[in-house]
N, C-alpha and C. Protein backbone atom coordinates (compact mmCIF):
# COMPACT_ATOMS: atom_id res chain seq x y z
N MET A 1 0.82 -1.18 0.00
CA MET A 1 0.00 0.00 0.00
C MET A 1 0.87 1.25 0.00
N ARG A 2 1.89 1.24 0.83
CA ARG A 2 2.74 2.43 0.91
C ARG A 2 3.42 2.71 -0.42
N TRP A 3 3.94 1.65 -1.03
CA TRP A 3 4.63 1.86 -2.30
C TRP A 3 3.67 2.41 -3.34
N GLY A 4 2.48 1.87 -3.42
CA GLY A 4 1.49 2.34 -4.40
C GLY A 4 1.11 3.78 -4.17
N ALA A 5 0.89 4.15 -2.90
CA ALA A 5 0.54 5.54 -2.58
C ALA A 5 1.70 6.47 -2.91
N ARG A 6 2.91 6.05 -2.60
CA ARG A 6 4.09 6.88 -2.90
C ARG A 6 4.24 7.05 -4.41
N TRP A 7 4.06 5.97 -5.15
CA TRP A 7 4.19 6.04 -6.60
C TRP A 7 3.15 7.00 -7.19
N GLN A 8 1.91 6.91 -6.73
CA GLN A 8 0.85 7.79 -7.21
C GLN A 8 1.19 9.25 -6.93
N LYS A 9 1.69 9.54 -5.74
CA LYS A 9 2.05 10.91 -5.36
C LYS A 9 3.20 11.42 -6.23
N GLN A 10 4.24 10.60 -6.41
CA GLN A 10 5.38 11.02 -7.23
C GLN A 10 4.95 11.24 -8.68
N ASN A 11 4.08 10.40 -9.18
CA ASN A 11 3.60 10.54 -10.54
C ASN A 11 2.80 11.84 -10.70
N ALA A 12 1.92 12.11 -9.75
CA ALA A 12 1.12 13.34 -9.80
C ALA A 12 2.02 14.57 -9.71
N ASP A 13 3.01 14.52 -8.84
CA ASP A 13 3.94 15.65 -8.71
C ASP A 13 4.74 15.86 -9.99
N ALA A 14 5.18 14.78 -10.61
CA ALA A 14 5.95 14.88 -11.85
C ALA A 14 5.09 15.46 -12.98
N ILE A 15 3.85 15.04 -13.07
CA ILE A 15 2.94 15.57 -14.09
C ILE A 15 2.72 17.07 -13.87
N GLU A 16 2.50 17.45 -12.63
CA GLU A 16 2.30 18.87 -12.33
C GLU A 16 3.54 19.69 -12.68
N GLU A 17 4.72 19.16 -12.37
CA GLU A 17 5.97 19.86 -12.72
C GLU A 17 6.12 19.98 -14.24
N MET A 18 5.80 18.92 -14.95
CA MET A 18 5.90 18.96 -16.42
C MET A 18 4.97 20.04 -16.98
N ARG A 19 3.79 20.15 -16.42
CA ARG A 19 2.82 21.14 -16.90
C ARG A 19 3.25 22.57 -16.57
N THR A 20 3.58 22.81 -15.31
CA THR A 20 3.85 24.18 -14.86
C THR A 20 5.25 24.66 -15.22
N LYS A 21 6.24 23.83 -15.05
CA LYS A 21 7.64 24.24 -15.27
C LYS A 21 8.03 24.21 -16.74
N TYR A 22 7.53 23.21 -17.46
CA TYR A 22 7.97 23.01 -18.85
C TYR A 22 6.87 23.26 -19.88
N GLY A 23 5.65 23.51 -19.43
CA GLY A 23 4.56 23.78 -20.36
C GLY A 23 4.09 22.58 -21.14
N THR A 24 4.33 21.39 -20.62
CA THR A 24 3.93 20.16 -21.30
C THR A 24 2.41 20.02 -21.29
N ARG A 25 1.88 19.64 -22.45
CA ARG A 25 0.45 19.33 -22.55
C ARG A 25 0.32 17.82 -22.63
N ILE A 26 -0.51 17.27 -21.80
CA ILE A 26 -0.74 15.82 -21.79
C ILE A 26 -2.09 15.58 -22.44
N LEU A 27 -2.06 14.84 -23.53
CA LEU A 27 -3.27 14.60 -24.32
C LEU A 27 -3.66 13.13 -24.26
N ARG A 28 -4.94 12.87 -24.39
CA ARG A 28 -5.44 11.50 -24.43
C ARG A 28 -5.23 10.93 -25.84
N THR A 29 -4.78 9.70 -25.90
CA THR A 29 -4.62 9.03 -27.19
C THR A 29 -6.00 8.79 -27.80
N LEU A 30 -6.14 9.13 -29.06
CA LEU A 30 -7.41 8.89 -29.74
C LEU A 30 -7.71 7.39 -29.75
N PRO A 31 -8.96 7.01 -29.52
CA PRO A 31 -9.30 5.58 -29.48
C PRO A 31 -8.88 4.83 -30.73
N GLU A 32 -9.06 5.43 -31.93
CA GLU A 32 -8.69 4.72 -33.15
C GLU A 32 -7.17 4.51 -33.26
N VAL A 33 -6.38 5.42 -32.70
CA VAL A 33 -4.93 5.26 -32.68
C VAL A 33 -4.55 4.13 -31.73
N LEU A 34 -5.16 4.12 -30.55
CA LEU A 34 -4.88 3.07 -29.57
C LEU A 34 -5.26 1.70 -30.11
N VAL A 35 -6.42 1.59 -30.75
CA VAL A 35 -6.86 0.30 -31.31
C VAL A 35 -5.90 -0.15 -32.40
N ALA A 36 -5.47 0.76 -33.28
CA ALA A 36 -4.52 0.41 -34.34
C ALA A 36 -3.20 -0.08 -33.74
N PHE A 37 -2.74 0.59 -32.69
CA PHE A 37 -1.51 0.18 -32.02
C PHE A 37 -1.65 -1.23 -31.44
N LEU A 38 -2.77 -1.47 -30.75
CA LEU A 38 -2.96 -2.77 -30.12
C LEU A 38 -3.13 -3.89 -31.15
N LYS A 39 -3.78 -3.62 -32.25
CA LYS A 39 -3.91 -4.63 -33.31
C LYS A 39 -2.54 -4.95 -33.91
N THR A 40 -1.71 -3.93 -34.10
CA THR A 40 -0.36 -4.16 -34.61
C THR A 40 0.45 -4.98 -33.62
N TRP A 41 0.33 -4.65 -32.33
CA TRP A 41 1.03 -5.43 -31.31
C TRP A 41 0.56 -6.88 -31.33
N ASP A 42 -0.74 -7.12 -31.48
CA ASP A 42 -1.25 -8.49 -31.53
C ASP A 42 -0.59 -9.28 -32.66
N LYS A 43 -0.42 -8.66 -33.82
CA LYS A 43 0.22 -9.34 -34.95
C LYS A 43 1.68 -9.65 -34.64
N MET A 44 2.39 -8.66 -34.08
CA MET A 44 3.80 -8.87 -33.75
C MET A 44 3.96 -9.94 -32.68
N ALA A 45 3.08 -9.91 -31.67
CA ALA A 45 3.15 -10.89 -30.59
C ALA A 45 2.84 -12.29 -31.09
N ALA A 46 1.91 -12.42 -32.04
CA ALA A 46 1.59 -13.73 -32.61
C ALA A 46 2.79 -14.29 -33.36
N GLU A 47 3.47 -13.44 -34.11
CA GLU A 47 4.67 -13.88 -34.83
C GLU A 47 5.76 -14.35 -33.87
N GLU A 48 5.99 -13.57 -32.82
CA GLU A 48 7.02 -13.94 -31.85
C GLU A 48 6.62 -15.18 -31.07
N SER A 49 5.34 -15.31 -30.75
CA SER A 49 4.85 -16.49 -30.02
C SER A 49 5.06 -17.77 -30.83
N ALA A 50 4.91 -17.67 -32.14
CA ALA A 50 5.11 -18.84 -33.01
C ALA A 50 6.57 -19.28 -33.01
N LYS A 51 7.47 -18.34 -32.77
CA LYS A 51 8.91 -18.65 -32.78
C LYS A 51 9.46 -19.05 -31.42
N ASP A 52 8.83 -18.57 -30.35
CA ASP A 52 9.41 -18.72 -29.02
C ASP A 52 8.35 -19.16 -28.00
N PRO A 53 8.37 -20.44 -27.59
CA PRO A 53 7.36 -20.94 -26.66
C PRO A 53 7.36 -20.20 -25.31
N PHE A 54 8.54 -19.78 -24.85
CA PHE A 54 8.58 -19.06 -23.57
C PHE A 54 7.91 -17.69 -23.71
N PHE A 55 8.15 -17.01 -24.81
CA PHE A 55 7.49 -15.73 -25.07
C PHE A 55 5.98 -15.93 -25.03
N LYS A 56 5.50 -16.98 -25.69
CA LYS A 56 4.06 -17.26 -25.73
C LYS A 56 3.51 -17.52 -24.33
N LYS A 57 4.24 -18.28 -23.54
CA LYS A 57 3.79 -18.59 -22.18
C LYS A 57 3.66 -17.30 -21.35
N VAL A 58 4.67 -16.44 -21.42
CA VAL A 58 4.64 -15.20 -20.66
C VAL A 58 3.52 -14.29 -21.18
N LEU A 59 3.41 -14.16 -22.50
CA LEU A 59 2.38 -13.32 -23.09
C LEU A 59 0.98 -13.79 -22.69
N ASP A 60 0.74 -15.09 -22.77
CA ASP A 60 -0.57 -15.63 -22.39
C ASP A 60 -0.89 -15.31 -20.93
N SER A 61 0.12 -15.44 -20.08
CA SER A 61 -0.07 -15.14 -18.66
C SER A 61 -0.39 -13.66 -18.45
N GLN A 62 0.35 -12.79 -19.13
CA GLN A 62 0.11 -11.36 -18.98
C GLN A 62 -1.26 -10.96 -19.52
N ARG A 63 -1.63 -11.54 -20.64
CA ARG A 63 -2.94 -11.21 -21.22
C ARG A 63 -4.07 -11.65 -20.29
N ALA A 64 -3.95 -12.81 -19.71
CA ALA A 64 -4.99 -13.29 -18.80
C ALA A 64 -5.15 -12.33 -17.63
N TYR A 65 -4.05 -11.83 -17.11
CA TYR A 65 -4.11 -10.90 -16.00
C TYR A 65 -4.63 -9.54 -16.46
N ALA A 66 -4.02 -8.98 -17.50
CA ALA A 66 -4.34 -7.61 -17.92
C ALA A 66 -5.78 -7.48 -18.40
N VAL A 67 -6.23 -8.41 -19.22
CA VAL A 67 -7.59 -8.31 -19.74
C VAL A 67 -8.60 -8.46 -18.62
N ASN A 68 -8.38 -9.40 -17.75
CA ASN A 68 -9.31 -9.58 -16.64
C ASN A 68 -9.24 -8.42 -15.66
N TYR A 69 -8.09 -7.82 -15.51
CA TYR A 69 -7.94 -6.74 -14.56
C TYR A 69 -8.40 -5.40 -15.13
N TYR A 70 -7.96 -5.07 -16.33
CA TYR A 70 -8.25 -3.76 -16.90
C TYR A 70 -9.54 -3.71 -17.71
N PHE A 71 -9.94 -4.81 -18.32
CA PHE A 71 -11.12 -4.83 -19.18
C PHE A 71 -12.04 -5.99 -18.80
N PRO A 72 -12.52 -6.01 -17.57
CA PRO A 72 -13.35 -7.15 -17.18
C PRO A 72 -14.65 -7.17 -17.97
N GLU A 73 -15.00 -8.34 -18.42
CA GLU A 73 -16.27 -8.52 -19.14
C GLU A 73 -17.34 -8.87 -18.10
N PRO A 74 -18.49 -8.26 -18.19
CA PRO A 74 -19.55 -8.67 -17.26
C PRO A 74 -19.96 -10.10 -17.57
N PRO A 75 -20.25 -10.87 -16.54
CA PRO A 75 -20.64 -12.26 -16.79
C PRO A 75 -21.97 -12.33 -17.54
N ALA A 76 -22.03 -13.24 -18.49
CA ALA A 76 -23.29 -13.47 -19.21
C ALA A 76 -24.27 -14.10 -18.23
N LYS A 77 -25.53 -13.94 -18.50
CA LYS A 77 -26.54 -14.51 -17.61
C LYS A 77 -26.33 -16.01 -17.48
N GLY A 78 -26.24 -16.47 -16.25
CA GLY A 78 -26.09 -17.89 -16.00
C GLY A 78 -24.67 -18.41 -16.12
N LYS A 79 -23.69 -17.52 -16.40
CA LYS A 79 -22.30 -17.96 -16.52
C LYS A 79 -21.46 -17.26 -15.47
N LYS A 80 -20.41 -17.94 -15.06
CA LYS A 80 -19.49 -17.36 -14.10
C LYS A 80 -18.55 -16.39 -14.81
N GLN A 81 -18.07 -15.38 -14.05
CA GLN A 81 -17.09 -14.43 -14.58
C GLN A 81 -15.87 -15.19 -15.08
N GLY A 82 -15.38 -14.82 -16.26
CA GLY A 82 -14.17 -15.42 -16.80
C GLY A 82 -14.40 -16.71 -17.54
N ALA A 83 -15.63 -17.16 -17.66
CA ALA A 83 -15.89 -18.42 -18.35
C ALA A 83 -15.49 -18.33 -19.82
N LYS A 84 -15.68 -17.19 -20.44
CA LYS A 84 -15.28 -17.00 -21.82
C LYS A 84 -14.80 -15.56 -21.97
N ARG A 85 -13.63 -15.39 -22.55
CA ARG A 85 -13.07 -14.06 -22.72
C ARG A 85 -13.22 -13.64 -24.17
N VAL A 86 -13.73 -12.44 -24.37
CA VAL A 86 -13.87 -11.91 -25.72
C VAL A 86 -12.90 -10.74 -25.87
N ASP A 87 -12.03 -10.81 -26.83
CA ASP A 87 -11.07 -9.74 -27.07
C ASP A 87 -11.80 -8.52 -27.59
N ARG A 88 -11.58 -7.38 -26.98
CA ARG A 88 -12.25 -6.16 -27.38
C ARG A 88 -11.84 -5.68 -28.76
N LEU A 89 -10.73 -6.14 -29.27
CA LEU A 89 -10.28 -5.72 -30.60
C LEU A 89 -10.78 -6.66 -31.69
N GLY A 90 -11.41 -7.73 -31.28
CA GLY A 90 -11.96 -8.67 -32.25
C GLY A 90 -10.91 -9.56 -32.89
N SER A 91 -9.73 -9.64 -32.28
CA SER A 91 -8.68 -10.45 -32.89
C SER A 91 -8.72 -11.89 -32.41
N GLY A 92 -9.63 -12.21 -31.51
CA GLY A 92 -9.78 -13.59 -31.05
C GLY A 92 -8.62 -14.10 -30.24
N VAL A 93 -7.97 -13.20 -29.49
CA VAL A 93 -6.82 -13.59 -28.70
C VAL A 93 -7.26 -14.28 -27.45
């Protein structure tokens, strides 16, 4: 908890310094740019996974955590959470 709170405070302070001291503007990535980036990453990751079983194992583990953590799908009626994962980009990962 302490580390997380400290990190959040340092991050907020750094952002404020970037804005006030250096005039940095922080902009949100356009959704279509983010989706294009993620689709490109999916293709690159698939190619690397085909070549390297360890890469695939780590990637699969990270995806299971990240998708469930950052983009949880509501459970379908009558099904438990996580029973089926649908990739938001439609790539069937």
